[in-house]
Amino acid sequence: MASSEISDILENEDIIESASDFNDYLEDNDYAINVKPGTFELTSDMSHFDIAEVITSYN
């Protein structure tokens, strides 16, 4: 799944405010190519950094 699709899902689930801002963050910080498949526990009070670290790490 592409990072843009994940960003859209997170925006739709009210985890992040802007899918485009989060996707830009993933791309600018080299996270976009390292997103792992899986189910993750994320909350809306997490920073972009915190979310990126979770979704790019193995469970």
N, C-alpha and C. Protein backbone atom coordinates (compact mmCIF):
# COMPACT_ATOMS: atom_id res chain seq x y z
N MET A 1 0.85 -1.17 0.00
CA MET A 1 0.00 0.00 0.00
C MET A 1 0.90 1.24 0.00
N ALA A 2 0.56 2.18 -0.83
CA ALA A 2 1.35 3.40 -0.95
C ALA A 2 1.16 4.30 0.27
N SER A 3 2.17 5.09 0.57
CA SER A 3 2.10 5.99 1.72
C SER A 3 0.94 6.97 1.58
N SER A 4 0.60 7.36 0.36
CA SER A 4 -0.52 8.29 0.17
C SER A 4 -1.85 7.63 0.57
N GLU A 5 -1.98 6.34 0.29
CA GLU A 5 -3.19 5.61 0.69
C GLU A 5 -3.28 5.51 2.21
N ILE A 6 -2.16 5.24 2.84
CA ILE A 6 -2.13 5.16 4.30
C ILE A 6 -2.46 6.52 4.91
N SER A 7 -1.91 7.56 4.34
CA SER A 7 -2.21 8.92 4.82
C SER A 7 -3.70 9.21 4.72
N ASP A 8 -4.32 8.82 3.61
CA ASP A 8 -5.76 9.02 3.44
C ASP A 8 -6.55 8.26 4.50
N ILE A 9 -6.17 7.03 4.78
CA ILE A 9 -6.85 6.23 5.80
C ILE A 9 -6.72 6.90 7.16
N LEU A 10 -5.53 7.36 7.50
CA LEU A 10 -5.32 7.99 8.80
C LEU A 10 -6.12 9.28 8.93
N GLU A 11 -6.25 10.02 7.84
CA GLU A 11 -7.08 11.23 7.87
C GLU A 11 -8.55 10.86 8.04
N ASN A 12 -9.01 9.85 7.32
CA ASN A 12 -10.41 9.42 7.43
C ASN A 12 -10.75 8.90 8.82
N GLU A 13 -9.75 8.34 9.52
CA GLU A 13 -9.95 7.82 10.87
C GLU A 13 -9.68 8.88 11.94
N ASP A 14 -9.46 10.13 11.52
CA ASP A 14 -9.20 11.26 12.42
C ASP A 14 -7.95 11.08 13.28
N ILE A 15 -6.97 10.36 12.75
CA ILE A 15 -5.69 10.21 13.44
C ILE A 15 -4.79 11.40 13.11
N ILE A 16 -4.87 11.87 11.87
CA ILE A 16 -4.12 13.05 11.44
C ILE A 16 -5.10 14.05 10.84
N GLU A 17 -4.68 15.32 10.78
CA GLU A 17 -5.55 16.35 10.23
C GLU A 17 -5.46 16.44 8.71
N SER A 18 -4.27 16.21 8.16
CA SER A 18 -4.08 16.40 6.72
C SER A 18 -3.28 15.25 6.12
N ALA A 19 -3.91 14.52 5.22
CA ALA A 19 -3.24 13.41 4.55
C ALA A 19 -2.06 13.92 3.72
N SER A 20 -2.24 15.03 3.05
CA SER A 20 -1.15 15.54 2.20
C SER A 20 0.04 16.00 3.03
N ASP A 21 -0.20 16.65 4.16
CA ASP A 21 0.90 17.07 5.03
C ASP A 21 1.64 15.87 5.59
N PHE A 22 0.90 14.84 6.01
CA PHE A 22 1.54 13.66 6.57
C PHE A 22 2.31 12.91 5.50
N ASN A 23 1.74 12.78 4.30
CA ASN A 23 2.44 12.09 3.23
C ASN A 23 3.71 12.85 2.84
N ASP A 24 3.64 14.17 2.81
CA ASP A 24 4.85 14.98 2.54
C ASP A 24 5.90 14.70 3.61
N TYR A 25 5.48 14.62 4.87
CA TYR A 25 6.42 14.32 5.96
C TYR A 25 7.07 12.96 5.73
N LEU A 26 6.28 11.95 5.38
CA LEU A 26 6.83 10.61 5.13
C LEU A 26 7.85 10.64 4.00
N GLU A 27 7.52 11.33 2.92
CA GLU A 27 8.43 11.38 1.78
C GLU A 27 9.68 12.20 2.08
N ASP A 28 9.52 13.35 2.72
CA ASP A 28 10.65 14.23 3.02
C ASP A 28 11.64 13.60 3.99
N ASN A 29 11.16 12.69 4.83
CA ASN A 29 12.01 12.08 5.85
C ASN A 29 12.33 10.61 5.57
N ASP A 30 12.13 10.19 4.33
CA ASP A 30 12.48 8.84 3.86
C ASP A 30 11.74 7.71 4.59
N TYR A 31 10.54 7.99 5.06
CA TYR A 31 9.72 6.95 5.67
C TYR A 31 8.83 6.26 4.63
N ALA A 32 8.47 6.95 3.57
CA ALA A 32 7.46 6.47 2.62
C ALA A 32 7.79 5.10 2.05
N ILE A 33 9.05 4.83 1.78
CA ILE A 33 9.43 3.55 1.18
C ILE A 33 9.58 2.43 2.21
N ASN A 34 9.45 2.77 3.49
CA ASN A 34 9.66 1.78 4.55
C ASN A 34 8.41 1.42 5.33
N VAL A 35 7.25 1.84 4.86
CA VAL A 35 6.01 1.52 5.56
C VAL A 35 5.78 0.02 5.51
N LYS A 36 5.49 -0.57 6.67
CA LYS A 36 5.31 -2.01 6.81
C LYS A 36 3.82 -2.37 6.81
N PRO A 37 3.49 -3.55 6.31
CA PRO A 37 2.10 -4.00 6.41
C PRO A 37 1.78 -4.38 7.85
N GLY A 38 0.54 -4.24 8.23
CA GLY A 38 0.15 -4.66 9.56
C GLY A 38 -0.94 -3.80 10.14
N THR A 39 -1.27 -4.12 11.37
CA THR A 39 -2.26 -3.37 12.13
C THR A 39 -1.53 -2.67 13.25
N PHE A 40 -1.78 -1.38 13.40
CA PHE A 40 -1.04 -0.59 14.37
C PHE A 40 -2.01 0.18 15.26
N GLU A 41 -1.61 0.40 16.50
CA GLU A 41 -2.41 1.20 17.42
C GLU A 41 -1.86 2.62 17.38
N LEU A 42 -2.67 3.53 16.84
CA LEU A 42 -2.28 4.92 16.70
C LEU A 42 -3.36 5.79 17.32
N THR A 43 -2.95 6.95 17.82
CA THR A 43 -3.91 7.89 18.39
C THR A 43 -3.70 9.27 17.77
N SER A 44 -4.72 10.09 17.88
CA SER A 44 -4.67 11.43 17.29
C SER A 44 -3.71 12.37 18.01
N ASP A 45 -3.26 12.00 19.20
CA ASP A 45 -2.31 12.87 19.91
C ASP A 45 -0.85 12.53 19.60
N MET A 46 -0.63 11.57 18.70
CA MET A 46 0.73 11.21 18.31
C MET A 46 1.24 12.21 17.26
N SER A 47 2.54 12.48 17.31
CA SER A 47 3.16 13.36 16.32
C SER A 47 3.37 12.60 15.01
N HIS A 48 3.66 13.34 13.96
CA HIS A 48 3.99 12.69 12.68
C HIS A 48 5.17 11.75 12.87
N PHE A 49 6.17 12.20 13.62
CA PHE A 49 7.34 11.36 13.88
C PHE A 49 6.94 10.06 14.56
N ASP A 50 6.12 10.15 15.61
CA ASP A 50 5.71 8.95 16.35
C ASP A 50 4.93 7.98 15.46
N ILE A 51 4.01 8.50 14.67
CA ILE A 51 3.24 7.63 13.77
C ILE A 51 4.16 6.99 12.75
N ALA A 52 5.05 7.78 12.16
CA ALA A 52 5.99 7.25 11.15
C ALA A 52 6.86 6.15 11.74
N GLU A 53 7.33 6.33 12.96
CA GLU A 53 8.16 5.31 13.60
C GLU A 53 7.38 4.01 13.80
N VAL A 54 6.11 4.12 14.17
CA VAL A 54 5.29 2.92 14.39
C VAL A 54 5.02 2.20 13.08
N ILE A 55 4.62 2.92 12.05
CA ILE A 55 4.20 2.25 10.81
C ILE A 55 5.38 1.79 9.95
N THR A 56 6.59 2.14 10.35
CA THR A 56 7.76 1.66 9.60
C THR A 56 8.55 0.63 10.40
N SER A 57 8.02 0.22 11.54
CA SER A 57 8.67 -0.80 12.37
C SER A 57 7.85 -2.07 12.33
N TYR A 58 8.53 -3.20 12.45
CA TYR A 58 7.80 -4.47 12.52
C TYR A 58 7.13 -4.58 13.87
N ASN A 59 5.92 -5.15 13.88
CA ASN A 59 5.16 -5.34 15.13
C ASN A 59 5.84 -6.36 16.00
